[in-house]
Amino acid sequence: MSRPRGDVTLVEVAGEIDLCTAPTLRENLVRAFGFQANTMVVDLSPVTFFAAAGVTALIEVLAEAEKSARRVLLITAGRSVGRVIEITGLSASLHCVGSLDAALAEGYEATA
């Protein structure tokens, strides 16, 4: 986890997200809310496999974010994640961007 800007927490995720690893992903993302940033950017670009359990974890984290009036942006430049989100029809409800720069710009516009 890092803070590319004072109001943004960046969480980088890599490897495979499946039934075994999705609970850890969820726990780590919920823990990232402890950094008190208004926006959390989750970089899923390095993810090589993204199963339905990962989608469920993201939806649960987004629900947590809404409860605390925080915003979650997903960097989905990698095909494995972007394709799953597209197929599930969640691309309209998830805030997906192609890069950290795009996420920072969108996060700034949302708080301006």
N, C-alpha and C. Protein backbone atom coordinates (compact mmCIF):
# COMPACT_ATOMS: atom_id res chain seq x y z
N MET A 1 0.84 -1.17 0.00
CA MET A 1 0.00 0.00 0.00
C MET A 1 0.88 1.24 0.00
N SER A 2 0.40 2.25 -0.70
CA SER A 2 1.13 3.50 -0.73
C SER A 2 0.14 4.65 -0.83
N ARG A 3 0.64 5.86 -0.73
CA ARG A 3 -0.19 7.06 -0.81
C ARG A 3 0.36 7.95 -1.92
N PRO A 4 -0.07 7.79 -3.17
CA PRO A 4 0.43 8.63 -4.26
C PRO A 4 0.00 10.08 -4.12
N ARG A 5 -1.01 10.31 -3.31
CA ARG A 5 -1.51 11.64 -3.00
C ARG A 5 -2.17 11.55 -1.63
N GLY A 6 -2.23 12.64 -0.92
CA GLY A 6 -2.73 12.63 0.46
C GLY A 6 -4.11 12.05 0.64
N ASP A 7 -4.99 12.20 -0.34
CA ASP A 7 -6.36 11.72 -0.21
C ASP A 7 -6.59 10.39 -0.91
N VAL A 8 -5.51 9.73 -1.36
CA VAL A 8 -5.62 8.49 -2.13
C VAL A 8 -4.72 7.40 -1.55
N THR A 9 -5.29 6.22 -1.35
CA THR A 9 -4.52 5.04 -0.98
C THR A 9 -4.46 4.14 -2.20
N LEU A 10 -3.26 3.69 -2.56
CA LEU A 10 -3.07 2.79 -3.69
C LEU A 10 -2.75 1.40 -3.15
N VAL A 11 -3.51 0.41 -3.61
CA VAL A 11 -3.27 -0.98 -3.25
C VAL A 11 -2.97 -1.73 -4.54
N GLU A 12 -1.80 -2.34 -4.61
CA GLU A 12 -1.42 -3.11 -5.79
C GLU A 12 -1.64 -4.59 -5.52
N VAL A 13 -2.32 -5.24 -6.47
CA VAL A 13 -2.65 -6.65 -6.33
C VAL A 13 -2.00 -7.40 -7.49
N ALA A 14 -1.39 -8.54 -7.19
CA ALA A 14 -0.73 -9.33 -8.23
C ALA A 14 -1.03 -10.80 -8.04
N GLY A 15 -0.79 -11.58 -9.08
CA GLY A 15 -0.95 -13.03 -9.00
C GLY A 15 -2.35 -13.48 -9.35
N GLU A 16 -2.76 -14.58 -8.73
CA GLU A 16 -4.06 -15.17 -9.02
C GLU A 16 -5.04 -14.87 -7.89
N ILE A 17 -6.24 -14.46 -8.28
CA ILE A 17 -7.31 -14.23 -7.32
C ILE A 17 -8.36 -15.30 -7.57
N ASP A 18 -8.46 -16.23 -6.62
CA ASP A 18 -9.39 -17.34 -6.76
C ASP A 18 -10.07 -17.59 -5.42
N LEU A 19 -10.72 -18.72 -5.29
CA LEU A 19 -11.46 -19.04 -4.07
C LEU A 19 -10.58 -19.01 -2.83
N CYS A 20 -9.32 -19.39 -2.99
CA CYS A 20 -8.40 -19.43 -1.84
C CYS A 20 -7.83 -18.06 -1.49
N THR A 21 -7.59 -17.21 -2.48
CA THR A 21 -6.93 -15.93 -2.22
C THR A 21 -7.90 -14.75 -2.10
N ALA A 22 -9.13 -14.90 -2.55
CA ALA A 22 -10.08 -13.79 -2.51
C ALA A 22 -10.36 -13.28 -1.08
N PRO A 23 -10.48 -14.16 -0.08
CA PRO A 23 -10.69 -13.64 1.28
C PRO A 23 -9.55 -12.74 1.76
N THR A 24 -8.32 -13.09 1.41
CA THR A 24 -7.17 -12.25 1.78
C THR A 24 -7.24 -10.92 1.05
N LEU A 25 -7.62 -10.95 -0.21
CA LEU A 25 -7.79 -9.70 -0.97
C LEU A 25 -8.81 -8.81 -0.27
N ARG A 26 -9.93 -9.38 0.08
CA ARG A 26 -10.98 -8.59 0.74
C ARG A 26 -10.47 -8.00 2.05
N GLU A 27 -9.82 -8.82 2.88
CA GLU A 27 -9.29 -8.34 4.16
C GLU A 27 -8.30 -7.21 3.97
N ASN A 28 -7.40 -7.35 3.01
CA ASN A 28 -6.40 -6.31 2.77
C ASN A 28 -7.02 -5.02 2.27
N LEU A 29 -8.03 -5.13 1.43
CA LEU A 29 -8.69 -3.92 0.92
C LEU A 29 -9.48 -3.23 2.03
N VAL A 30 -10.17 -3.99 2.86
CA VAL A 30 -10.90 -3.39 3.98
C VAL A 30 -9.91 -2.74 4.95
N ARG A 31 -8.78 -3.39 5.18
CA ARG A 31 -7.74 -2.82 6.05
C ARG A 31 -7.22 -1.50 5.49
N ALA A 32 -7.16 -1.40 4.17
CA ALA A 32 -6.67 -0.17 3.54
C ALA A 32 -7.56 1.02 3.84
N PHE A 33 -8.81 0.78 4.17
CA PHE A 33 -9.69 1.89 4.56
C PHE A 33 -9.19 2.57 5.83
N GLY A 34 -8.38 1.86 6.61
CA GLY A 34 -7.82 2.43 7.83
C GLY A 34 -6.87 3.58 7.58
N PHE A 35 -6.42 3.76 6.33
CA PHE A 35 -5.53 4.87 6.00
C PHE A 35 -6.26 6.19 5.89
N GLN A 36 -7.58 6.18 6.05
CA GLN A 36 -8.41 7.38 6.09
C GLN A 36 -8.40 8.21 4.82
N ALA A 37 -8.08 7.63 3.70
CA ALA A 37 -8.13 8.35 2.43
C ALA A 37 -9.56 8.32 1.90
N ASN A 38 -9.94 9.37 1.19
CA ASN A 38 -11.28 9.43 0.60
C ASN A 38 -11.42 8.47 -0.57
N THR A 39 -10.30 8.20 -1.26
CA THR A 39 -10.32 7.35 -2.45
C THR A 39 -9.30 6.24 -2.30
N MET A 40 -9.72 5.03 -2.65
CA MET A 40 -8.79 3.91 -2.70
C MET A 40 -8.71 3.47 -4.16
N VAL A 41 -7.49 3.38 -4.66
CA VAL A 41 -7.24 2.90 -6.01
C VAL A 41 -6.66 1.50 -5.88
N VAL A 42 -7.30 0.54 -6.55
CA VAL A 42 -6.85 -0.85 -6.50
C VAL A 42 -6.30 -1.19 -7.89
N ASP A 43 -4.98 -1.39 -7.95
CA ASP A 43 -4.34 -1.71 -9.22
C ASP A 43 -4.37 -3.22 -9.41
N LEU A 44 -5.25 -3.66 -10.31
CA LEU A 44 -5.41 -5.08 -10.60
C LEU A 44 -4.67 -5.48 -11.89
N SER A 45 -3.90 -4.57 -12.45
CA SER A 45 -3.20 -4.83 -13.72
C SER A 45 -2.29 -6.06 -13.67
N PRO A 46 -1.54 -6.29 -12.58
CA PRO A 46 -0.65 -7.44 -12.55
C PRO A 46 -1.35 -8.79 -12.30
N VAL A 47 -2.66 -8.77 -12.07
CA VAL A 47 -3.38 -10.01 -11.78
C VAL A 47 -3.39 -10.90 -13.02
N THR A 48 -3.03 -12.16 -12.85
CA THR A 48 -2.95 -13.09 -13.98
C THR A 48 -4.17 -13.98 -14.11
N PHE A 49 -4.94 -14.14 -13.04
CA PHE A 49 -6.16 -14.95 -13.07
C PHE A 49 -7.14 -14.32 -12.09
N PHE A 50 -8.40 -14.16 -12.53
CA PHE A 50 -9.39 -13.49 -11.69
C PHE A 50 -10.70 -14.28 -11.74
N ALA A 51 -10.98 -15.01 -10.67
CA ALA A 51 -12.16 -15.87 -10.60
C ALA A 51 -13.35 -15.11 -10.02
N ALA A 52 -14.49 -15.76 -10.05
CA ALA A 52 -15.73 -15.17 -9.52
C ALA A 52 -15.59 -14.76 -8.06
N ALA A 53 -14.80 -15.49 -7.30
CA ALA A 53 -14.59 -15.15 -5.89
C ALA A 53 -13.94 -13.77 -5.76
N GLY A 54 -13.10 -13.40 -6.72
CA GLY A 54 -12.50 -12.06 -6.72
C GLY A 54 -13.54 -10.99 -6.98
N VAL A 55 -14.46 -11.27 -7.88
CA VAL A 55 -15.55 -10.33 -8.16
C VAL A 55 -16.39 -10.12 -6.90
N THR A 56 -16.69 -11.21 -6.22
CA THR A 56 -17.46 -11.12 -4.98
C THR A 56 -16.72 -10.28 -3.95
N ALA A 57 -15.43 -10.49 -3.80
CA ALA A 57 -14.63 -9.71 -2.85
C ALA A 57 -14.69 -8.22 -3.19
N LEU A 58 -14.57 -7.88 -4.48
CA LEU A 58 -14.64 -6.48 -4.89
C LEU A 58 -15.99 -5.87 -4.58
N ILE A 59 -17.06 -6.60 -4.84
CA ILE A 59 -18.40 -6.09 -4.57
C ILE A 59 -18.59 -5.84 -3.07
N GLU A 60 -18.09 -6.75 -2.24
CA GLU A 60 -18.18 -6.57 -0.79
C GLU A 60 -17.39 -5.35 -0.33
N VAL A 61 -16.21 -5.15 -0.90
CA VAL A 61 -15.39 -3.99 -0.54
C VAL A 61 -16.07 -2.70 -1.00
N LEU A 62 -16.66 -2.71 -2.16
CA LEU A 62 -17.38 -1.52 -2.65
C LEU A 62 -18.55 -1.19 -1.74
N ALA A 63 -19.23 -2.19 -1.23
CA ALA A 63 -20.33 -1.96 -0.29
C ALA A 63 -19.81 -1.31 0.99
N GLU A 64 -18.67 -1.79 1.47
CA GLU A 64 -18.04 -1.19 2.65
C GLU A 64 -17.66 0.27 2.38
N ALA A 65 -17.14 0.53 1.20
CA ALA A 65 -16.73 1.89 0.84
C ALA A 65 -17.94 2.82 0.82
N GLU A 66 -19.04 2.36 0.27
CA GLU A 66 -20.24 3.20 0.20
C GLU A 66 -20.75 3.55 1.59
N LYS A 67 -20.66 2.61 2.53
CA LYS A 67 -21.10 2.87 3.89
C LYS A 67 -20.33 4.01 4.53
N SER A 68 -19.06 4.14 4.17
CA SER A 68 -18.22 5.17 4.77
C SER A 68 -17.97 6.34 3.82
N ALA A 69 -18.78 6.45 2.78
CA ALA A 69 -18.70 7.55 1.81
C ALA A 69 -17.31 7.68 1.19
N ARG A 70 -16.73 6.54 0.86
CA ARG A 70 -15.43 6.52 0.19
C ARG A 70 -15.62 6.00 -1.22
N ARG A 71 -14.63 6.27 -2.04
CA ARG A 71 -14.68 5.86 -3.44
C ARG A 71 -13.58 4.85 -3.72
N VAL A 72 -13.91 3.84 -4.52
CA VAL A 72 -12.95 2.83 -4.93
C VAL A 72 -12.84 2.86 -6.45
N LEU A 73 -11.62 3.02 -6.94
CA LEU A 73 -11.36 2.98 -8.38
C LEU A 73 -10.48 1.77 -8.67
N LEU A 74 -10.79 1.07 -9.75
CA LEU A 74 -10.04 -0.13 -10.12
C LEU A 74 -9.25 0.11 -11.38
N ILE A 75 -7.95 -0.17 -11.34
CA ILE A 75 -7.13 -0.14 -12.55
C ILE A 75 -7.20 -1.54 -13.14
N THR A 76 -7.82 -1.65 -14.29
CA THR A 76 -8.07 -2.97 -14.89
C THR A 76 -7.43 -3.07 -16.27
N ALA A 77 -6.19 -2.62 -16.37
CA ALA A 77 -5.50 -2.65 -17.66
C ALA A 77 -5.21 -4.08 -18.12
N GLY A 78 -5.09 -5.00 -17.17
CA GLY A 78 -4.85 -6.40 -17.53
C GLY A 78 -6.10 -7.06 -18.07
N ARG A 79 -5.94 -7.88 -19.07
CA ARG A 79 -7.08 -8.53 -19.72
C ARG A 79 -7.82 -9.49 -18.79
N SER A 80 -7.12 -10.17 -17.90
CA SER A 80 -7.77 -11.18 -17.06
C SER A 80 -8.85 -10.57 -16.18
N VAL A 81 -8.63 -9.39 -15.64
CA VAL A 81 -9.62 -8.75 -14.78
C VAL A 81 -10.67 -8.01 -15.61
N GLY A 82 -10.22 -7.23 -16.55
CA GLY A 82 -11.14 -6.44 -17.37
C GLY A 82 -12.17 -7.30 -18.07
N ARG A 83 -11.74 -8.42 -18.58
CA ARG A 83 -12.66 -9.33 -19.30
C ARG A 83 -13.71 -9.91 -18.36
N VAL A 84 -13.31 -10.31 -17.16
CA VAL A 84 -14.26 -10.86 -16.19
C VAL A 84 -15.29 -9.81 -15.81
N ILE A 85 -14.85 -8.60 -15.56
CA ILE A 85 -15.78 -7.53 -15.18
C ILE A 85 -16.74 -7.23 -16.33
N GLU A 86 -16.22 -7.23 -17.53
CA GLU A 86 -17.06 -6.99 -18.71
C GLU A 86 -18.10 -8.10 -18.88
N ILE A 87 -17.67 -9.35 -18.79
CA ILE A 87 -18.57 -10.50 -18.97
C ILE A 87 -19.68 -10.52 -17.92
N THR A 88 -19.35 -10.17 -16.69
CA THR A 88 -20.33 -10.21 -15.61
C THR A 88 -21.31 -9.05 -15.68
N GLY A 89 -21.04 -8.07 -16.54
CA GLY A 89 -21.93 -6.92 -16.65
C GLY A 89 -21.73 -5.89 -15.55
N LEU A 90 -20.65 -6.01 -14.81
CA LEU A 90 -20.41 -5.10 -13.70
C LEU A 90 -19.64 -3.84 -14.09
N SER A 91 -19.24 -3.74 -15.34
CA SER A 91 -18.42 -2.59 -15.74
C SER A 91 -19.16 -1.27 -15.54
N ALA A 92 -20.48 -1.28 -15.60
CA ALA A 92 -21.25 -0.05 -15.39
C ALA A 92 -21.28 0.37 -13.92
N SER A 93 -21.20 -0.60 -13.01
CA SER A 93 -21.29 -0.26 -11.59
C SER A 93 -19.94 -0.14 -10.90
N LEU A 94 -18.89 -0.70 -11.51
CA LEU A 94 -17.54 -0.58 -10.95
C LEU A 94 -16.83 0.57 -11.64
N HIS A 95 -16.06 1.31 -10.89
CA HIS A 95 -15.32 2.45 -11.44
C HIS A 95 -13.96 1.95 -11.94
N CYS A 96 -13.89 1.60 -13.22
CA CYS A 96 -12.66 1.04 -13.80
C CYS A 96 -11.95 2.07 -14.66
N VAL A 97 -10.64 2.12 -14.52
CA VAL A 97 -9.80 3.01 -15.32
C VAL A 97 -8.61 2.21 -15.83
N GLY A 98 -7.86 2.80 -16.76
CA GLY A 98 -6.77 2.09 -17.39
C GLY A 98 -5.40 2.33 -16.80
N SER A 99 -5.26 3.33 -15.91
CA SER A 99 -3.93 3.64 -15.38
C SER A 99 -4.04 4.40 -14.06
N LEU A 100 -2.93 4.49 -13.35
CA LEU A 100 -2.90 5.26 -12.10
C LEU A 100 -3.17 6.73 -12.39
N ASP A 101 -2.59 7.27 -13.46
CA ASP A 101 -2.83 8.67 -13.80
C ASP A 101 -4.31 8.93 -14.01
N ALA A 102 -4.99 8.03 -14.71
CA ALA A 102 -6.43 8.18 -14.93
C ALA A 102 -7.20 8.09 -13.62
N ALA A 103 -6.77 7.20 -12.74
CA ALA A 103 -7.43 7.06 -11.45
C ALA A 103 -7.25 8.31 -10.60
N LEU A 104 -6.04 8.85 -10.60
CA LEU A 104 -5.79 10.07 -9.82
C LEU A 104 -6.59 11.24 -10.37
N ALA A 105 -6.67 11.35 -11.70
CA ALA A 105 -7.46 12.42 -12.32
C ALA A 105 -8.93 12.26 -12.00
N GLU A 106 -9.44 11.04 -12.08
CA GLU A 106 -10.85 10.79 -11.80
C GLU A 106 -11.15 11.00 -10.32
N GLY A 107 -10.25 10.55 -9.47
CA GLY A 107 -10.42 10.75 -8.03
C GLY A 107 -10.45 12.22 -7.67
N TYR A 108 -9.62 13.01 -8.35
CA TYR A 108 -9.58 14.45 -8.10
C TYR A 108 -10.88 15.11 -8.54
N GLU A 109 -11.37 14.72 -9.73
CA GLU A 109 -12.61 15.29 -10.24
C GLU A 109 -13.78 14.95 -9.33
N ALA A 110 -13.77 13.76 -8.73
CA ALA A 110 -14.87 13.34 -7.85
C ALA A 110 -14.90 14.15 -6.56
N THR A 111 -13.73 14.62 -6.10
CA THR A 111 -13.69 15.36 -4.85
C THR A 111 -13.68 16.86 -5.07
N ALA A 112 -13.51 17.32 -6.30
CA ALA A 112 -13.45 18.76 -6.58
C ALA A 112 -14.83 19.38 -6.58
